[in-house]
Amino acid sequence: MRKQGGNPARLAWLVVGALLAFMVAFAAGCGGDDDTASEEDVPTEVGKGEGELNLIGWAGYAEDGSTDPKVDWVTDFEKETGCQVNFKVGGTSDEMVELMRSGDYDGVSASGNASARLVASDLVDPVNVDLVPNYATVFDDLKDQPYNTFDGVNYGIPHGRGANVLMWNTEEAPDIDGSTWAPMLDPNEASKYSGKISVYDDPIYIADAAVYLKAHQPDLGIDNPYELDEDQFNAAVDLLKQQRPNVGEYWSDFAKQISSFANGDVDVGTTWQYQYFTLKGEGDPVASTPASGGFLPEEDATGWSDTWMISSKAKHPNCMYMWMDWIISPQANAEVAEFFGEAPAQELACEHTENPKFCEEYHAEEPAFWKRVYYWETPLAECSEGGPEECMDYNDWVRAWTEIKG
């Protein structure tokens, strides 16, 4: 398996008339075809595997033992299906979208800030969830969501989810109690940690500012942090421009952030639970509200829920369907969730984790926790019903992020 790198909505351009997509016609089930077809033409059975499978995904989503001999859920898949996995790590959602344009990959693990773009560009096909038996026991609150279902049509299989949480060095920032995002986003509070703040490096981080403003400036009328009118958007961007002088690093590589906290280069940041548990396990003086108390900061938080999606140009569609079922099987989903550091999508996975407290630590079985997490979505110009009349789209977010970082 080829590997690179390390471990770690709505549809805006609705097609007029019936939703069209490049569909896969299966030989004895599936087979490649470039003809357009309607959503009703999704495959009705999975045929024999084509012998190969080309995937794009987040680092740690398709481990074959090459990173760690003890970490391997790909080899058994290959033996059972005959589908040889070739895995390309995508460093960011933007990179994954661009890679999918090549037509060289059968599937992708898309976060919510990529999935709508993939659908809108006809880069992925609808998925027949009936051909994925393990889908039946995926957590209900991960099904039929705005980032994996468009115009009532399923476009993927949930993989796992996580919250973007607050983490701080308890020795260098003893006054932080984790009850609020103010140490990062209130200009006065953040100035106490000037040059020591760690921020996720992606335009989608603008939503974190919107979540904060939703709580602290209700007069702005923010409801969905991914659906912002011009005034709401400008307020969020201005807040992050005020934050900029206090930022010590913008991170996208989880290992880099771990190193920054361990070396004392940063003292407070937005992070994933994986980084927190890694640092805590190594004895570093860090704290994180969700991990220690089970509650998010009072303003709530953003987060992600990843979806396996099949390319509209998939050359190995049968193998892709087999993979989508395998990766959410109880054992495999438990392994990938525990290795990557996220809550599994499969409700039966909690019975298979090595750490018996894993699902408790990652709030996997707590619907109330996830109701407070705004999963990433692609910002679109066309707002949903009841939202602003016109929203700032992803291109606006990208331009603003460039300005924020300078």
Foldseek 3Di string as FASTA:
>chain_A
DDEDDAFFAAAFDQDPDAGKALEFDCDQFTAFDRDIDGQVPHTPEFDAFPQEFEEEEAHLLADCCPVHVVFHPNVVLCVVRNYHYDYYYDLDLVSVLVVLVVLPHFKYWHKQQNQSVCSNVSFFGFHDCVRQVLLVQFPPVVPPDNSQAYPNTGFFGWWFKFFFFKKFQCVLCVPDPQQAPCCQQVLVNVVSQALAEEEAQDLLCLLQLLLRCVVVPVVLVDDASLFHAPVSSVVSLVSLLSNQRRHNYHDSGLVVVLVCQVVVSHGMYTHTVVSVVVCVVVPGRMDICCQPPVAHHPSFGAMIIITMGTTSRRRGNSSSSSVSNSCLDLQNSLSSCVRSPGQGRRPNVLVHHPPVCSCVSRVNPPVVNCVRYNGDHFRHQPDDPPGDRGGDGNVNSVVSSVVSND
